[in-house]
Amino acid sequence: MTHMNKKMFMRVDEVAEVLDVSVPYAYKLIRRMNEELKEKGCFTIAGRIDRHYFYERFGGDRSEEVKEDAGV
């Protein structure tokens, strides 16, 4: 999948996989982050989190993800 085709939102299974946590815990984290976004006036979708916000909050370095998208 190319970088341009990446979906805007991450689903709970992807969050659980990236963080290596259980699905129920991933739901808990998504709910917490969505509450933060609501306080900022953003729209949210239950069980999904904005990909950019997720990586921003976890301080994750997406360089590996970008490398995969570039075929490196």
C-alpha atoms as a PDB file:
ATOM      1  CA  MET A   1       0.000   0.000   0.000  1.00  0.00           C
ATOM      2  CA  THR A   2       1.437   3.375  -0.920  1.00  0.00           C
ATOM      3  CA  HIS A   3       1.641   6.308   1.457  1.00  0.00           C
ATOM      4  CA  MET A   4      -1.142   8.092  -0.449  1.00  0.00           C
ATOM      5  CA  ASN A   5      -3.444   5.085   0.026  1.00  0.00           C
ATOM      6  CA  LYS A   6      -3.047   4.967   3.815  1.00  0.00           C
ATOM      7  CA  LYS A   7      -6.371   5.344   5.534  1.00  0.00           C
ATOM      8  CA  MET A   8      -6.967   8.357   7.733  1.00  0.00           C
ATOM      9  CA  PHE A   9      -8.184   6.308  10.692  1.00  0.00           C
ATOM     10  CA  MET A  10      -6.724   3.299  12.448  1.00  0.00           C
ATOM     11  CA  ARG A  11      -9.078   0.561  13.626  1.00  0.00           C
ATOM     12  CA  VAL A  12      -8.732  -1.121  16.990  1.00  0.00           C
ATOM     13  CA  ASP A  13      -6.996  -4.215  15.593  1.00  0.00           C
ATOM     14  CA  GLU A  14      -4.261  -2.081  14.034  1.00  0.00           C
ATOM     15  CA  VAL A  15      -3.788  -0.087  17.254  1.00  0.00           C
ATOM     16  CA  ALA A  16      -3.537  -3.326  19.255  1.00  0.00           C
ATOM     17  CA  GLU A  17      -0.976  -4.710  16.818  1.00  0.00           C
ATOM     18  CA  VAL A  18       1.183  -1.568  16.673  1.00  0.00           C
ATOM     19  CA  LEU A  19       1.267  -1.248  20.470  1.00  0.00           C
ATOM     20  CA  ASP A  20       1.369  -4.993  21.126  1.00  0.00           C
ATOM     21  CA  VAL A  21      -1.580  -4.776  23.522  1.00  0.00           C
ATOM     22  CA  SER A  22      -4.908  -6.572  23.819  1.00  0.00           C
ATOM     23  CA  VAL A  23      -7.909  -5.459  21.773  1.00  0.00           C
ATOM     24  CA  PRO A  24      -9.877  -4.424  24.895  1.00  0.00           C
ATOM     25  CA  TYR A  25      -6.961  -2.244  26.024  1.00  0.00           C
ATOM     26  CA  ALA A  26      -6.668  -0.754  22.534  1.00  0.00           C
ATOM     27  CA  TYR A  27     -10.359   0.201  22.739  1.00  0.00           C
ATOM     28  CA  LYS A  28      -9.665   1.904  26.069  1.00  0.00           C
ATOM     29  CA  LEU A  29      -6.790   3.896  24.567  1.00  0.00           C
ATOM     30  CA  ILE A  30      -8.852   4.879  21.533  1.00  0.00           C
ATOM     31  CA  ARG A  31     -11.702   6.087  23.772  1.00  0.00           C
ATOM     32  CA  ARG A  32      -9.260   8.196  25.779  1.00  0.00           C
ATOM     33  CA  MET A  33      -7.654   9.732  22.682  1.00  0.00           C
ATOM     34  CA  ASN A  34     -11.081  10.379  21.129  1.00  0.00           C
ATOM     35  CA  GLU A  35     -12.129  12.219  24.295  1.00  0.00           C
ATOM     36  CA  GLU A  36      -9.025  14.400  23.952  1.00  0.00           C
ATOM     37  CA  LEU A  37      -9.926  15.122  20.340  1.00  0.00           C
ATOM     38  CA  LYS A  38     -13.536  15.962  21.259  1.00  0.00           C
ATOM     39  CA  GLU A  39     -12.251  18.485  23.805  1.00  0.00           C
ATOM     40  CA  LYS A  40     -10.315  20.114  20.965  1.00  0.00           C
ATOM     41  CA  GLY A  41     -13.522  20.322  18.919  1.00  0.00           C
ATOM     42  CA  CYS A  42     -12.734  17.468  16.532  1.00  0.00           C
ATOM     43  CA  PHE A  43     -15.178  14.904  15.243  1.00  0.00           C
ATOM     44  CA  THR A  44     -14.427  11.320  16.211  1.00  0.00           C
ATOM     45  CA  ILE A  45     -15.530   7.829  15.199  1.00  0.00           C
ATOM     46  CA  ALA A  46     -16.042   5.212  17.900  1.00  0.00           C
ATOM     47  CA  GLY A  47     -13.487   2.412  17.716  1.00  0.00           C
ATOM     48  CA  ARG A  48     -11.197   4.375  15.390  1.00  0.00           C
ATOM     49  CA  ILE A  49      -8.501   6.968  15.893  1.00  0.00           C
ATOM     50  CA  ASP A  50      -6.942   9.496  13.571  1.00  0.00           C
ATOM     51  CA  ARG A  51      -3.650   7.974  12.399  1.00  0.00           C
ATOM     52  CA  HIS A  52      -1.682  11.231  12.679  1.00  0.00           C
ATOM     53  CA  TYR A  53      -2.982  11.934  16.189  1.00  0.00           C
ATOM     54  CA  PHE A  54      -2.213   8.376  17.295  1.00  0.00           C
ATOM     55  CA  TYR A  55       1.444   8.664  16.273  1.00  0.00           C
ATOM     56  CA  GLU A  56       1.652  12.192  17.679  1.00  0.00           C
ATOM     57  CA  ARG A  57       0.364  11.064  21.089  1.00  0.00           C
ATOM     58  CA  PHE A  58       2.572   8.017  21.302  1.00  0.00           C
ATOM     59  CA  GLY A  59       5.630   9.876  20.091  1.00  0.00           C
ATOM     60  CA  GLY A  60       6.071   7.162  17.547  1.00  0.00           C
ATOM     61  CA  ASP A  61       8.569   7.465  14.772  1.00  0.00           C
ATOM     62  CA  ARG A  62       6.762   6.539  11.587  1.00  0.00           C
ATOM     63  CA  SER A  63      10.004   6.255   9.619  1.00  0.00           C
ATOM     64  CA  GLU A  64       9.686   2.455   9.416  1.00  0.00           C
ATOM     65  CA  GLU A  65       6.118   2.776   8.154  1.00  0.00           C
ATOM     66  CA  VAL A  66       7.194   5.331   5.546  1.00  0.00           C
ATOM     67  CA  LYS A  67      10.079   3.083   4.451  1.00  0.00           C
ATOM     68  CA  GLU A  68       7.646   0.189   3.942  1.00  0.00           C
ATOM     69  CA  ASP A  69       5.384   2.438   1.865  1.00  0.00           C
ATOM     70  CA  ALA A  70       8.335   3.530  -0.264  1.00  0.00           C
ATOM     71  CA  GLY A  71       9.341  -0.071  -0.836  1.00  0.00           C
ATOM     72  CA  VAL A  72      12.636   0.252   1.051  1.00  0.00           C
END
